[in-house]
Amino acid sequence: MEKNSIEMTEPFRIVLYQPEIPANTGNIGRLCVGTNTQLHIIKPMRFLITDKQVKRAGLDYWDKLDIHIHNSFEDFLAEFSDKTIYFCTTKSQKYYSDRVFKSGDCFVFGPESRGIPEDILRQYVDQTITIPMSGEIRSLNLANSAAIVLYEALRQTGYRGEPHPGL
């Protein structure tokens, strides 16, 4: 294995719940290719996956992306009921960096304009995580947030899928 490569026993999963901005999805797709992470999209989307802005942001890596499309949140949950699912939101008091992640974990991010619906957050309140930020903004960019959370999970697992011995 190359020194800078990432090899997972089971991939992490970035889950975009009803994404709205094609460029964010493209950037996150590129992030997923670079980290051997699966990208899951829960419909509906406000754009086509073939949108030129999605492709432009993902550059020429799009054909290497392990992408899965789900017709509903319930369909996604049914498929991954045996996995730990984290809901990334500004409406949580639990920092992402205080959690211990493992291979196969799923990180759900809501639509850019409104985030994950309140009813889902209430149902899974113990599985919510947030990124600390100043009160001067409502949220960070979706693609940046996905990268922050994913790279913490990768750091914790030693970039190979198992919990790092120091945790």
C-alpha atoms as a PDB file:
ATOM      1  CA  MET A   1       0.000   0.000   0.000  1.00  0.00           C
ATOM      2  CA  GLU A   2       1.265   3.489  -0.817  1.00  0.00           C
ATOM      3  CA  LYS A   3       2.266   5.705   2.089  1.00  0.00           C
ATOM      4  CA  ASN A   4      -0.531   8.246   1.547  1.00  0.00           C
ATOM      5  CA  SER A   5      -3.294   5.840   0.551  1.00  0.00           C
ATOM      6  CA  ILE A   6      -6.429   5.100   2.535  1.00  0.00           C
ATOM      7  CA  GLU A   7      -7.558   1.504   2.819  1.00  0.00           C
ATOM      8  CA  MET A   8     -10.735   0.648   4.701  1.00  0.00           C
ATOM      9  CA  THR A   9     -11.970  -2.737   5.883  1.00  0.00           C
ATOM     10  CA  GLU A  10     -15.457  -1.333   5.314  1.00  0.00           C
ATOM     11  CA  PRO A  11     -16.016   2.100   3.813  1.00  0.00           C
ATOM     12  CA  PHE A  12     -17.475   5.063   5.611  1.00  0.00           C
ATOM     13  CA  ARG A  13     -20.639   6.443   4.042  1.00  0.00           C
ATOM     14  CA  ILE A  14     -21.463  10.089   3.401  1.00  0.00           C
ATOM     15  CA  VAL A  15     -25.231  10.416   3.047  1.00  0.00           C
ATOM     16  CA  LEU A  16     -26.779  13.496   1.448  1.00  0.00           C
ATOM     17  CA  TYR A  17     -30.431  13.864   2.391  1.00  0.00           C
ATOM     18  CA  GLN A  18     -32.226  15.695  -0.435  1.00  0.00           C
ATOM     19  CA  PRO A  19     -29.227  17.738  -1.641  1.00  0.00           C
ATOM     20  CA  GLU A  20     -29.921  21.058  -3.349  1.00  0.00           C
ATOM     21  CA  ILE A  21     -26.633  22.435  -4.703  1.00  0.00           C
ATOM     22  CA  PRO A  22     -24.948  20.464  -7.501  1.00  0.00           C
ATOM     23  CA  ALA A  23     -21.447  21.809  -6.854  1.00  0.00           C
ATOM     24  CA  ASN A  24     -21.541  20.643  -3.218  1.00  0.00           C
ATOM     25  CA  THR A  25     -22.542  17.153  -4.309  1.00  0.00           C
ATOM     26  CA  GLY A  26     -19.747  17.157  -6.895  1.00  0.00           C
ATOM     27  CA  ASN A  27     -17.171  18.265  -4.322  1.00  0.00           C
ATOM     28  CA  ILE A  28     -18.365  15.635  -1.862  1.00  0.00           C
ATOM     29  CA  GLY A  29     -18.207  13.015  -4.615  1.00  0.00           C
ATOM     30  CA  ARG A  30     -14.573  13.937  -5.223  1.00  0.00           C
ATOM     31  CA  LEU A  31     -13.918  13.738  -1.469  1.00  0.00           C
ATOM     32  CA  CYS A  32     -15.467  10.268  -1.420  1.00  0.00           C
ATOM     33  CA  VAL A  33     -13.286   9.036  -4.292  1.00  0.00           C
ATOM     34  CA  GLY A  34     -10.182  10.378  -2.537  1.00  0.00           C
ATOM     35  CA  THR A  35     -11.036   8.603   0.721  1.00  0.00           C
ATOM     36  CA  ASN A  36     -12.570   5.343  -0.538  1.00  0.00           C
ATOM     37  CA  THR A  37     -15.889   6.450   0.938  1.00  0.00           C
ATOM     38  CA  GLN A  38     -19.322   5.640  -0.447  1.00  0.00           C
ATOM     39  CA  LEU A  39     -21.667   8.467  -1.390  1.00  0.00           C
ATOM     40  CA  HIS A  40     -25.357   7.882  -0.724  1.00  0.00           C
ATOM     41  CA  ILE A  41     -27.997  10.294  -1.959  1.00  0.00           C
ATOM     42  CA  ILE A  42     -31.548  10.264  -0.636  1.00  0.00           C
ATOM     43  CA  LYS A  43     -34.105  11.608  -3.109  1.00  0.00           C
ATOM     44  CA  PRO A  44     -35.484  13.971  -4.069  1.00  0.00           C
ATOM     45  CA  MET A  45     -32.623  16.056  -5.400  1.00  0.00           C
ATOM     46  CA  ARG A  46     -32.982  19.557  -6.847  1.00  0.00           C
ATOM     47  CA  PHE A  47     -30.771  18.651  -9.801  1.00  0.00           C
ATOM     48  CA  LEU A  48     -29.869  15.730 -12.015  1.00  0.00           C
ATOM     49  CA  ILE A  49     -26.824  13.688 -11.104  1.00  0.00           C
ATOM     50  CA  THR A  50     -25.640  14.326 -14.666  1.00  0.00           C
ATOM     51  CA  ASP A  51     -25.763  18.115 -14.123  1.00  0.00           C
ATOM     52  CA  LYS A  52     -22.639  19.794 -15.546  1.00  0.00           C
ATOM     53  CA  GLN A  53     -22.006  21.585 -12.207  1.00  0.00           C
ATOM     54  CA  VAL A  54     -21.886  18.222 -10.406  1.00  0.00           C
ATOM     55  CA  LYS A  55     -19.473  16.865 -12.976  1.00  0.00           C
ATOM     56  CA  ARG A  56     -17.338  20.015 -12.971  1.00  0.00           C
ATOM     57  CA  ALA A  57     -16.911  19.966  -9.184  1.00  0.00           C
ATOM     58  CA  GLY A  58     -16.123  16.242  -9.217  1.00  0.00           C
ATOM     59  CA  LEU A  59     -13.706  16.692 -12.114  1.00  0.00           C
ATOM     60  CA  ASP A  60     -12.836  13.532 -13.990  1.00  0.00           C
ATOM     61  CA  TYR A  61     -13.195  11.324 -10.903  1.00  0.00           C
ATOM     62  CA  TRP A  62     -16.957  10.855 -11.206  1.00  0.00           C
ATOM     63  CA  ASP A  63     -16.645   7.463 -12.925  1.00  0.00           C
ATOM     64  CA  LYS A  64     -14.607   6.197  -9.931  1.00  0.00           C
ATOM     65  CA  LEU A  65     -17.265   7.192  -7.382  1.00  0.00           C
ATOM     66  CA  ASP A  66     -19.102   4.465  -5.437  1.00  0.00           C
ATOM     67  CA  ILE A  67     -22.517   6.169  -5.496  1.00  0.00           C
ATOM     68  CA  HIS A  68     -25.868   4.849  -4.277  1.00  0.00           C
ATOM     69  CA  ILE A  69     -29.239   6.521  -4.794  1.00  0.00           C
ATOM     70  CA  HIS A  70     -32.112   5.860  -2.369  1.00  0.00           C
ATOM     71  CA  ASN A  71     -35.728   6.710  -3.137  1.00  0.00           C
ATOM     72  CA  SER A  72     -36.492   7.613   0.481  1.00  0.00           C
ATOM     73  CA  PHE A  73     -35.004   8.000   3.942  1.00  0.00           C
ATOM     74  CA  GLU A  74     -36.848   4.837   4.976  1.00  0.00           C
ATOM     75  CA  ASP A  75     -35.202   2.883   2.143  1.00  0.00           C
ATOM     76  CA  PHE A  76     -31.785   4.065   3.306  1.00  0.00           C
ATOM     77  CA  LEU A  77     -32.527   3.150   6.948  1.00  0.00           C
ATOM     78  CA  ALA A  78     -33.768  -0.314   5.991  1.00  0.00           C
ATOM     79  CA  GLU A  79     -30.531  -1.039   4.130  1.00  0.00           C
ATOM     80  CA  PHE A  80     -28.234   0.223   6.905  1.00  0.00           C
ATOM     81  CA  SER A  81     -30.169  -0.627  10.065  1.00  0.00           C
ATOM     82  CA  ASP A  82     -27.169  -2.582  11.355  1.00  0.00           C
ATOM     83  CA  LYS A  83     -24.793   0.411  11.031  1.00  0.00           C
ATOM     84  CA  THR A  84     -24.149   3.384  13.269  1.00  0.00           C
ATOM     85  CA  ILE A  85     -25.719   6.416  11.656  1.00  0.00           C
ATOM     86  CA  TYR A  86     -24.721   9.931  12.730  1.00  0.00           C
ATOM     87  CA  PHE A  87     -26.848  12.948  11.884  1.00  0.00           C
ATOM     88  CA  CYS A  88     -24.699  16.016  11.253  1.00  0.00           C
ATOM     89  CA  THR A  89     -26.512  19.173  12.306  1.00  0.00           C
ATOM     90  CA  THR A  90     -26.064  22.597  13.853  1.00  0.00           C
ATOM     91  CA  LYS A  91     -28.869  21.608  16.245  1.00  0.00           C
ATOM     92  CA  SER A  92     -26.792  19.316  18.450  1.00  0.00           C
ATOM     93  CA  GLN A  93     -24.697  19.847  21.574  1.00  0.00           C
ATOM     94  CA  LYS A  94     -22.510  16.794  20.827  1.00  0.00           C
ATOM     95  CA  TYR A  95     -19.256  17.550  19.033  1.00  0.00           C
ATOM     96  CA  TYR A  96     -18.206  15.229  16.234  1.00  0.00           C
ATOM     97  CA  SER A  97     -14.704  15.098  17.737  1.00  0.00           C
ATOM     98  CA  ASP A  98     -16.028  13.595  20.990  1.00  0.00           C
ATOM     99  CA  ARG A  99     -17.384  10.487  19.240  1.00  0.00           C
ATOM    100  CA  VAL A 100     -15.481   7.294  18.513  1.00  0.00           C
ATOM    101  CA  PHE A 101     -16.077   6.261  14.922  1.00  0.00           C
ATOM    102  CA  LYS A 102     -15.575   2.876  13.269  1.00  0.00           C
ATOM    103  CA  SER A 103     -15.515   1.527   9.731  1.00  0.00           C
ATOM    104  CA  GLY A 104     -18.904   1.399   8.086  1.00  0.00           C
ATOM    105  CA  ASP A 105     -20.350   4.356   9.986  1.00  0.00           C
ATOM    106  CA  CYS A 106     -22.771   6.600   8.096  1.00  0.00           C
ATOM    107  CA  PHE A 107     -22.792  10.409   8.266  1.00  0.00           C
ATOM    108  CA  VAL A 108     -26.052  12.032   7.184  1.00  0.00           C
ATOM    109  CA  PHE A 109     -26.065  15.663   6.046  1.00  0.00           C
ATOM    110  CA  GLY A 110     -29.255  17.583   5.309  1.00  0.00           C
ATOM    111  CA  PRO A 111     -30.159  19.910   2.457  1.00  0.00           C
ATOM    112  CA  GLU A 112     -28.172  23.118   2.335  1.00  0.00           C
ATOM    113  CA  SER A 113     -31.092  25.484   2.922  1.00  0.00           C
ATOM    114  CA  ARG A 114     -32.744  23.774   5.896  1.00  0.00           C
ATOM    115  CA  GLY A 115     -30.705  20.862   7.242  1.00  0.00           C
ATOM    116  CA  ILE A 116     -32.040  17.526   8.435  1.00  0.00           C
ATOM    117  CA  PRO A 117     -35.752  17.729   9.315  1.00  0.00           C
ATOM    118  CA  GLU A 118     -36.576  18.289  12.988  1.00  0.00           C
ATOM    119  CA  ASP A 119     -38.656  15.097  13.254  1.00  0.00           C
ATOM    120  CA  ILE A 120     -35.658  12.985  12.195  1.00  0.00           C
ATOM    121  CA  LEU A 121     -33.344  14.843  14.607  1.00  0.00           C
ATOM    122  CA  ARG A 122     -35.776  14.293  17.496  1.00  0.00           C
ATOM    123  CA  GLN A 123     -36.044  10.597  16.696  1.00  0.00           C
ATOM    124  CA  TYR A 124     -32.246  10.163  16.594  1.00  0.00           C
ATOM    125  CA  VAL A 125     -31.148  12.833  19.083  1.00  0.00           C
ATOM    126  CA  ASP A 126     -28.482  10.572  20.635  1.00  0.00           C
ATOM    127  CA  GLN A 127     -26.885  10.100  17.224  1.00  0.00           C
ATOM    128  CA  THR A 128     -26.570  13.787  16.335  1.00  0.00           C
ATOM    129  CA  ILE A 129     -23.214  15.507  16.018  1.00  0.00           C
ATOM    130  CA  THR A 130     -22.118  19.058  15.308  1.00  0.00           C
ATOM    131  CA  ILE A 131     -19.022  21.013  14.334  1.00  0.00           C
ATOM    132  CA  PRO A 132     -18.207  23.891  16.698  1.00  0.00           C
ATOM    133  CA  MET A 133     -18.253  27.328  15.076  1.00  0.00           C
ATOM    134  CA  SER A 134     -18.704  30.951  16.031  1.00  0.00           C
ATOM    135  CA  GLY A 135     -22.137  32.455  16.429  1.00  0.00           C
ATOM    136  CA  GLU A 136     -21.417  34.749  13.493  1.00  0.00           C
ATOM    137  CA  ILE A 137     -22.655  32.166  10.952  1.00  0.00           C
ATOM    138  CA  ARG A 138     -25.554  29.696  10.754  1.00  0.00           C
ATOM    139  CA  SER A 139     -23.493  26.862   9.302  1.00  0.00           C
ATOM    140  CA  LEU A 140     -20.420  25.869   7.349  1.00  0.00           C
ATOM    141  CA  ASN A 141     -20.506  24.870   3.696  1.00  0.00           C
ATOM    142  CA  LEU A 142     -21.875  21.342   3.239  1.00  0.00           C
ATOM    143  CA  ALA A 143     -18.812  20.006   1.404  1.00  0.00           C
ATOM    144  CA  ASN A 144     -16.490  21.485   4.047  1.00  0.00           C
ATOM    145  CA  SER A 145     -18.570  19.957   6.840  1.00  0.00           C
ATOM    146  CA  ALA A 146     -18.507  16.534   5.191  1.00  0.00           C
ATOM    147  CA  ALA A 147     -14.714  16.746   4.843  1.00  0.00           C
ATOM    148  CA  ILE A 148     -14.215  17.786   8.477  1.00  0.00           C
ATOM    149  CA  VAL A 149     -16.311  14.945   9.875  1.00  0.00           C
ATOM    150  CA  LEU A 150     -15.004  12.314   7.457  1.00  0.00           C
ATOM    151  CA  TYR A 151     -11.344  13.112   8.064  1.00  0.00           C
ATOM    152  CA  GLU A 152     -11.877  12.917  11.826  1.00  0.00           C
ATOM    153  CA  ALA A 153     -13.380   9.451  11.343  1.00  0.00           C
ATOM    154  CA  LEU A 154     -10.437   8.484   9.142  1.00  0.00           C
ATOM    155  CA  ARG A 155      -7.954   9.880  11.665  1.00  0.00           C
ATOM    156  CA  GLN A 156      -9.564   7.917  14.468  1.00  0.00           C
ATOM    157  CA  THR A 157      -9.424   4.680  12.526  1.00  0.00           C
ATOM    158  CA  GLY A 158      -5.801   5.149  11.561  1.00  0.00           C
ATOM    159  CA  TYR A 159      -6.922   5.530   7.939  1.00  0.00           C
ATOM    160  CA  ARG A 160      -7.444   1.775   7.785  1.00  0.00           C
ATOM    161  CA  GLY A 161     -10.838   1.153   9.350  1.00  0.00           C
ATOM    162  CA  GLU A 162      -9.960   0.026  12.852  1.00  0.00           C
ATOM    163  CA  PRO A 163     -10.011   2.295  15.911  1.00  0.00           C
ATOM    164  CA  HIS A 164      -6.642   3.912  16.424  1.00  0.00           C
ATOM    165  CA  PRO A 165      -4.876   2.389  19.466  1.00  0.00           C
ATOM    166  CA  GLY A 166      -4.485   5.829  21.042  1.00  0.00           C
ATOM    167  CA  LEU A 167      -8.246   6.371  21.404  1.00  0.00           C
END
